[in-house]
Amino acid sequence: MLEARRDEPTYDPLGCAACPVRDVAVCAGLEEVERRTLARLGRRRRFARGEVVFDAGDPDTACATLVTGALKLSRIDADGVERTVALIHAGGFLARLFATGVDCTATALADSELCLFTRGDVETAMRGSPGFMERILQATLEQLDASRALINLIARRETKARVAGLLLLFLRGGCEGEPRDGARVELPLSRGEMAGLLGTTIETVSRQFAQLEAEALIRRDGLHHVVVEDVGALAAVAG
């Protein structure tokens, strides 16, 4: 369970000056003095790949910015099947502000580090900083848009379009600005996890990767990365 406990010995000092998401995270909406004040109240915590950050039904006691790594948000449907509803990339914000609990499970897809704050501290900072509140609202809307995109992706008929669309989601989530040809993309999901998310088999996902590579749209770079050679063509396949 994710808790922003000030006495937790495994938490590290924040080190905001060297933070890789300093300029894109919600705290970028704070003035420097406000940021330093909030930073003194926060903690960092690391989660290993596969570790649960919080479970559905947990009391919502903390807010978090994902500093490095990737997370998935999932729910169990009426048939007892886990459904991924969102993918969170570095710089993403996790919170249910002014709520009493969480309604999904967050799991680390890779070794990840989060910057944690108590919900009360974040709510106080929001009341005192319109810029901070605006960034949080923007992050919430972006997460809703990403969730809708994921749902639309899963609903597509052609498996090739689903795989291409998922690669584009990874690409856009891992870069600032518009993605460019030649961008190297980290794959936070295994082939099996991709297959489960897209409603197909591992073999089918692997075949689609091979086909996209044969068409010079992507180039596989090890087990956990691909290079997107032609962003426009990949987007056309995704539909």
Protein backbone atom coordinates (compact mmCIF):
# COMPACT_ATOMS: atom_id res chain seq x y z
CA MET A 1 0.00 0.00 0.00
CA LEU A 2 1.31 3.46 -0.92
CA GLU A 3 1.57 5.80 2.07
CA ALA A 4 3.48 9.06 2.37
CA ARG A 5 4.82 8.34 5.84
CA ARG A 6 7.30 10.93 7.02
CA ASP A 7 9.06 8.41 9.29
CA GLU A 8 9.56 5.70 6.62
CA PRO A 9 13.32 4.95 6.64
CA THR A 10 13.40 3.57 3.08
CA TYR A 11 12.36 6.90 1.56
CA ASP A 12 15.10 9.10 0.02
CA PRO A 13 15.50 12.89 0.06
CA LEU A 14 13.81 14.47 -2.95
CA GLY A 15 16.70 16.08 -4.80
CA CYS A 16 14.42 18.27 -6.94
CA ALA A 17 17.28 20.04 -8.76
CA ALA A 18 18.29 16.81 -10.51
CA CYS A 19 14.75 15.43 -10.96
CA PRO A 20 14.35 14.14 -14.56
CA VAL A 21 10.67 15.18 -14.67
CA ARG A 22 11.09 18.51 -12.90
CA ASP A 23 9.80 20.55 -15.85
CA VAL A 24 6.90 18.28 -16.87
CA ALA A 25 5.47 17.05 -13.56
CA VAL A 26 2.61 18.82 -11.79
CA CYS A 27 5.04 20.55 -9.42
CA ALA A 28 6.27 22.59 -12.39
CA GLY A 29 3.18 24.73 -11.77
CA LEU A 30 4.60 25.93 -8.45
CA GLU A 31 6.73 28.98 -7.87
CA GLU A 32 10.24 28.09 -6.71
CA VAL A 33 9.57 29.01 -3.08
CA GLU A 34 6.35 26.97 -3.14
CA ARG A 35 8.16 24.05 -4.72
CA ARG A 36 10.85 24.05 -2.03
CA THR A 37 8.19 24.20 0.68
CA LEU A 38 6.29 21.24 -0.77
CA ALA A 39 9.52 19.31 -1.37
CA ARG A 40 10.32 19.41 2.34
CA LEU A 41 7.07 17.52 2.95
CA GLY A 42 7.65 14.81 0.34
CA ARG A 43 9.49 11.50 0.17
CA ARG A 44 10.77 9.27 -2.59
CA ARG A 45 10.14 5.55 -2.71
CA ARG A 46 11.28 2.83 -5.09
CA PHE A 47 9.11 -0.03 -6.31
CA ALA A 48 10.43 -3.13 -8.05
CA ARG A 49 8.93 -4.41 -11.30
CA GLY A 50 5.69 -6.24 -10.46
CA GLU A 51 5.32 -4.64 -7.03
CA VAL A 52 1.89 -3.24 -6.15
CA VAL A 53 1.98 0.48 -5.41
CA PHE A 54 -1.58 0.51 -4.08
CA ASP A 55 -4.59 -1.79 -4.22
CA ALA A 56 -8.18 -1.01 -5.11
CA GLY A 57 -10.02 -0.32 -1.89
CA ASP A 58 -7.00 1.06 -0.03
CA PRO A 59 -7.62 4.32 1.84
CA ASP A 60 -6.33 7.13 -0.35
CA THR A 61 -3.62 8.59 1.88
CA ALA A 62 -1.03 9.79 -0.62
CA CYS A 63 -0.42 11.49 -3.94
CA ALA A 64 2.52 10.62 -6.15
CA THR A 65 4.49 11.77 -9.16
CA LEU A 66 6.18 9.01 -11.15
CA VAL A 67 9.82 10.05 -11.45
CA THR A 68 11.17 7.04 -13.34
CA GLY A 69 9.70 3.79 -14.63
CA ALA A 70 6.14 2.95 -15.66
CA LEU A 71 2.92 1.86 -13.94
CA LYS A 72 -0.33 0.28 -14.98
CA LEU A 73 -3.72 0.96 -13.43
CA SER A 74 -6.09 -2.00 -13.50
CA ARG A 75 -9.48 -3.16 -12.26
CA ILE A 76 -11.08 -6.58 -11.89
CA ASP A 77 -14.22 -6.86 -14.01
CA ALA A 78 -17.45 -8.72 -13.21
CA ASP A 79 -15.97 -11.94 -14.63
CA GLY A 80 -12.93 -11.73 -12.38
CA VAL A 81 -10.60 -10.72 -15.22
CA GLU A 82 -8.01 -8.01 -14.67
CA ARG A 83 -8.45 -5.13 -17.12
CA THR A 84 -5.77 -2.48 -17.63
CA VAL A 85 -7.43 0.94 -17.71
CA ALA A 86 -4.39 3.24 -17.89
CA LEU A 87 -0.64 3.29 -18.36
CA ILE A 88 1.34 5.88 -16.40
CA HIS A 89 4.68 7.11 -17.71
CA ALA A 90 7.40 9.19 -16.06
CA GLY A 91 6.04 12.59 -15.06
CA GLY A 92 2.54 11.20 -14.54
CA PHE A 93 0.53 12.05 -11.44
CA LEU A 94 -1.38 9.61 -9.22
CA ALA A 95 -4.07 10.92 -6.90
CA ARG A 96 -7.75 10.92 -6.08
CA LEU A 97 -7.92 14.31 -4.45
CA PHE A 98 -10.80 15.11 -2.11
CA ALA A 99 -11.79 11.41 -2.23
CA THR A 100 -11.83 8.69 0.43
CA GLY A 101 -10.28 5.73 -1.37
CA VAL A 102 -8.83 4.35 -4.59
CA ASP A 103 -10.82 2.39 -7.16
CA CYS A 104 -8.05 0.60 -9.05
CA THR A 105 -4.75 -1.18 -8.49
CA ALA A 106 -1.44 0.41 -9.51
CA THR A 107 1.42 -1.96 -10.34
CA ALA A 108 5.00 -1.16 -11.34
CA LEU A 109 5.68 -2.34 -14.90
CA ALA A 110 9.38 -1.63 -14.45
CA ASP A 111 11.61 -0.67 -11.55
CA SER A 112 10.08 2.68 -10.65
CA GLU A 113 10.61 5.62 -8.34
CA LEU A 114 7.81 7.82 -7.04
CA CYS A 115 7.76 11.14 -5.25
CA LEU A 116 5.15 10.91 -2.49
CA PHE A 117 3.16 13.52 -0.59
CA THR A 118 0.26 13.26 1.80
CA ARG A 119 -3.04 14.11 0.18
CA GLY A 120 -3.60 16.88 2.70
CA ASP A 121 -0.31 18.59 1.81
CA VAL A 122 -1.14 18.52 -1.91
CA GLU A 123 -4.67 19.82 -1.33
CA THR A 124 -3.26 22.67 0.77
CA ALA A 125 -0.73 23.52 -1.95
CA MET A 126 -3.52 23.53 -4.55
CA ARG A 127 -5.55 26.03 -2.54
CA GLY A 128 -2.57 28.37 -2.32
CA SER A 129 -1.33 28.10 -5.91
CA PRO A 130 -3.59 28.53 -8.95
CA GLY A 131 -0.73 27.41 -11.19
CA PHE A 132 -0.34 24.16 -9.27
CA MET A 133 -4.08 23.52 -9.37
CA GLU A 134 -4.09 24.12 -13.12
CA ARG A 135 -1.26 21.61 -13.65
CA ILE A 136 -3.08 18.97 -11.60
CA LEU A 137 -6.30 19.53 -13.54
CA GLN A 138 -4.34 19.30 -16.78
CA ALA A 139 -2.69 16.05 -15.64
CA THR A 140 -6.09 14.61 -14.72
CA LEU A 141 -7.53 15.48 -18.14
CA GLU A 142 -4.49 14.00 -19.90
CA GLN A 143 -4.91 10.77 -17.95
CA LEU A 144 -8.59 10.62 -18.93
CA ASP A 145 -7.66 11.17 -22.57
CA ALA A 146 -5.02 8.44 -22.36
CA SER A 147 -7.51 6.03 -20.80
CA ARG A 148 -10.01 6.73 -23.58
CA ALA A 149 -7.29 6.18 -26.17
CA LEU A 150 -6.42 2.84 -24.57
CA ILE A 151 -10.08 1.76 -24.56
CA ASN A 152 -10.47 2.78 -28.22
CA LEU A 153 -7.27 0.95 -29.07
CA ILE A 154 -8.46 -2.30 -27.52
CA ALA A 155 -11.76 -2.03 -29.42
CA ARG A 156 -10.11 -2.00 -32.86
CA ARG A 157 -10.69 -5.04 -35.03
CA GLU A 158 -7.30 -5.54 -36.63
CA THR A 159 -4.59 -6.89 -34.34
CA LYS A 160 -1.93 -5.06 -36.34
CA ALA A 161 -3.71 -1.76 -35.68
CA ARG A 162 -3.89 -2.55 -31.97
CA VAL A 163 -0.17 -3.36 -31.75
CA ALA A 164 0.77 -0.24 -33.73
CA GLY A 165 -1.50 1.89 -31.56
CA LEU A 166 0.03 0.50 -28.38
CA LEU A 167 3.53 1.31 -29.63
CA LEU A 168 2.36 4.87 -30.33
CA LEU A 169 0.99 5.15 -26.78
CA PHE A 170 4.38 4.04 -25.43
CA LEU A 171 6.13 6.50 -27.76
CA ARG A 172 3.98 9.50 -26.85
CA GLY A 173 4.09 8.68 -23.16
CA GLY A 174 7.87 8.52 -23.12
CA CYS A 175 8.80 11.69 -25.00
CA GLU A 176 8.32 15.42 -24.69
CA GLY A 177 6.65 17.20 -27.58
CA GLU A 178 5.79 15.56 -30.88
CA PRO A 179 7.47 12.17 -31.47
CA ARG A 180 10.00 12.02 -34.29
CA ASP A 181 11.26 9.34 -36.63
CA GLY A 182 14.09 7.35 -35.09
CA ALA A 183 12.80 7.70 -31.52
CA ARG A 184 13.80 4.86 -29.20
CA VAL A 185 10.86 3.55 -27.18
CA GLU A 186 10.96 1.58 -23.97
CA LEU A 187 8.45 -1.29 -23.83
CA PRO A 188 7.15 -1.44 -20.24
CA LEU A 189 5.01 -4.49 -20.99
CA SER A 190 6.18 -7.99 -21.85
CA ARG A 191 4.83 -9.66 -24.98
CA GLY A 192 2.48 -11.67 -22.76
CA GLU A 193 1.22 -8.52 -21.01
CA MET A 194 0.68 -6.83 -24.37
CA ALA A 195 -1.26 -9.85 -25.58
CA GLY A 196 -3.45 -9.82 -22.47
CA LEU A 197 -4.10 -6.11 -22.82
CA LEU A 198 -4.95 -6.35 -26.53
CA GLY A 199 -7.04 -9.50 -26.26
CA THR A 200 -4.80 -11.72 -28.40
CA THR A 201 -1.95 -14.23 -28.05
CA ILE A 202 1.79 -13.84 -27.51
CA GLU A 203 2.42 -15.47 -30.89
CA THR A 204 0.15 -12.98 -32.66
CA VAL A 205 1.85 -10.01 -30.98
CA SER A 206 5.26 -11.37 -32.00
CA ARG A 207 4.08 -11.84 -35.61
CA GLN A 208 2.80 -8.26 -35.74
CA PHE A 209 6.10 -6.95 -34.40
CA ALA A 210 7.90 -8.92 -37.11
CA GLN A 211 5.58 -7.57 -39.80
CA LEU A 212 5.97 -3.95 -38.66
CA GLU A 213 9.73 -4.45 -38.70
CA ALA A 214 9.63 -6.03 -42.17
CA GLU A 215 7.74 -2.96 -43.39
CA ALA A 216 10.49 -0.72 -41.93
CA LEU A 217 8.10 0.99 -39.53
CA ILE A 218 9.97 -0.16 -36.43
CA ARG A 219 13.28 -1.77 -35.54
CA ARG A 220 13.60 -4.00 -32.51
CA ASP A 221 16.42 -2.96 -30.19
CA GLY A 222 16.85 -5.67 -27.57
CA LEU A 223 14.05 -7.21 -25.53
CA HIS A 224 12.62 -4.03 -24.03
CA HIS A 225 13.04 -1.35 -26.70
CA VAL A 226 12.08 -0.58 -30.28
CA VAL A 227 13.09 2.25 -32.58
CA VAL A 228 10.17 3.82 -34.45
CA GLU A 229 11.57 4.44 -37.91
CA ASP A 230 8.45 6.06 -39.42
CA VAL A 231 6.03 7.66 -36.95
CA GLY A 232 3.58 8.77 -39.64
CA ALA A 233 3.35 5.33 -41.23
CA LEU A 234 2.92 3.67 -37.84
CA ALA A 235 0.11 6.11 -37.02
CA ALA A 236 -1.55 5.29 -40.35
CA VAL A 237 -1.51 1.58 -39.49
CA ALA A 238 -2.95 2.34 -36.05
CA GLY A 239 -5.82 4.21 -37.72
